[in-house]
Structure formats: structure tokens, C-alpha cells
Amino acid sequence: MVKRISKVAILCLVVIMMGTSVSTLASNKFPEKPVNYIICFNPGGESDITARLQHKYLEEALGQKVVIVYKIGGGGAVGWSELVRSKPDGYTISGDNLPHTIVQPLQRKDAGYTTEQLKRTYCFELTPNVLAVRQDSPFKTLEEFVEYAKQYPEAVTVGGSASWSAGHLATIELEHLADIKLTYIPFTGSGAAVPALLGGHVSALMTYTSMIGQHPEMRVLATASDQRSPVCPDAPTFQECGYDLVEGCYRGVSVPPGTPDEIVNIIAEAFDKVNRNPEFQQKMEELGYQMIYLGPEEYEKHVRERTVYYTELLEELGAIAK
């Protein structure tokens, strides 16, 4: 008796003969439904603002609805932990941050995810750190800030977005370079840290240029970049003040481990299209964001290089988890 061959079997045979994988055929249809975009920090911060500005252009590029979902907590670890447990089909993506997603697994015994689990898809921006105070602060210069901190160890409180973030690291690096002791206060995001400073709850913020773009009422004592920022051109860099401190936050998007490369490339191309949109670029740059254009392979390489850098830095600071 001759067995009948199903249509599915015939299709698979044709696909194999054509040298095309089933996953490629599936990716050609992606996306067929809304995509969930996880934001790991509270509304009003850089990750949220970026996603909100990307939203319209991203939906146009993907041809589907994009649903922004907040998973807040653990300095971003709550959201990234959920991402790595999500189905690897491209319908759940997450904003990711460096150095957070490198340093948290190095510093914590169980961050809920590992650096390698996040499948990097596209890196779209950089925001250098800035040390900022209120306009009525007694600290008019970085020199005055450092001098006071030397006289009163741990009395100066510095707020920032999350623990083991770029702001936290920059604060630790400043302590190390200036031989001072500060008290770092982590918040659930920049959106919560800025009101704390303006309300007088902390002495200063180690925040980002993008926050200065939105809150010019803050005075910047120094920027942690190799050149002055357009949003606060009168503020010196830490290097100009004698401290070799260059730190900031890279932001991009990742997908769950195991997501097919074909789908990763579709998502990366969509974000690249958004990033190169002149209207979007103007909005971002006016707010103090520096545009970055790293595709999947370039982004993975960047993460590997920064992992080496931060591992050495944490070892020097004695902050590697045992």
C-alpha cells in the first residue's frame, strides 16, 4: 500500500530543496501581531522617553502595533529577567542598558539573567553622565563639591538611576579618583531621581545629558565625556577638571535567547530605520541624546569589549561578587 504524502511534507521538501529554512519562511511573515516592548525603568526616564519617541516610527517600520510594557524593579533586572524567560519569537523585546546588563550579573550572585542571555539586536543611543545640582546649591563648581566632600565624608548624597548603573559607577569612580566618600542613593529611574533633587532630598545627581535637556533648571558641575555637551556647553568635562572620568549609558534593544537571526535582523532593521529618520534624530538630539547605529553583530562585539572593561574596573574597585 502506497502511503500518501501530506501537503506539509511536500512543502517542507520543497523548502529544503530550495535551500530555504522553515524559520526563514516564518520570519518573512514576521510580525503578524503586536510586539511587546518592555521598558525596565519608570516613566519619565531616558528609556521611557526614548521608547515613546520611537513608538510611532517603530510601528510604521514594523507594520504592526507596538505595546510599551513597564517591568520596573531591581535596577532593570526585573524586566531583563522576564525577557530571557520569554518565548523567542520576536514578539517580546526589551530596551537594554550598558553598563547595567554587564555589571549587575558581575556584582550580584544571581541577577536573574546573565549578560550573554540577552540577544543584542540594536544599539541606538548614548547619554554621557553629568554631575548636577540645584540652581540654588552652594556648590558652584566641581572643585567646591569635592572640597566639601573631603571635609565631610559621606555627608554629600548623590542620587542616580538604579544600582550598578552608569550613574552608580560614575559616582564610585569619582570617589576613587578624588579620594572622597559620597553616599549614593539609587532611584527606580531618572524620572524619579530628578524630582528628588529638585525637592531637596539629595545634594546632587549623577544623571545624564538627556535629563539636562529636559530640566535646564539644574546646574551641571561636570560632564563625564571627552568633550563638552551641546545641552550644557558651559559645563566643563571631568577631564578638564583633572579627573579622568568618562562614563555614560548605552541603550539598545534585545530579544530572548534563541530568537532566530532572521527575526533579529527584521527588528534591527526597523530600529535602524527609526534611528535614521531625520525628524526623530532632531527630537532626540535636542534632548541631549547621542545617536548610535550598531546592528546585531556590532552590538554583540561592543558588549564583549565593555564586559572586559567593566570586569577590570570592578576588580580594581573590589566590587566583583564572590
Foldseek 3Di string as FASTA:
>chain_A
DDDDDDPVNVVCVVCVVVVHDPVLVVLVCPPPAEAEEEEAFDPPFPSNVLCVLLQVLLCVLRVYHYHYDYQFDQLSLRVVLVQQVDDQALRYKYKDKPPVQQQQVQQDVCSSDHSVQWQFFKWWWWWWWFKKAAPPAPDPAVVVVLVVQAVPAQPAEEEEAHDPHLQNVLVLLCCVQSVGHYHYDHDRHPRVRVVCRVVPVGGIYGYTLLVCLVVVSIGTRATQDPAAFPSHNVHHHVVVVPRNGHTIMIMGMTGGPPRDPSNSNSSLVSVQVSSPDPVSVVVQVSSRIGTDTAGRVRVVVVSVVVSVVVVVVCVVVVRGHD
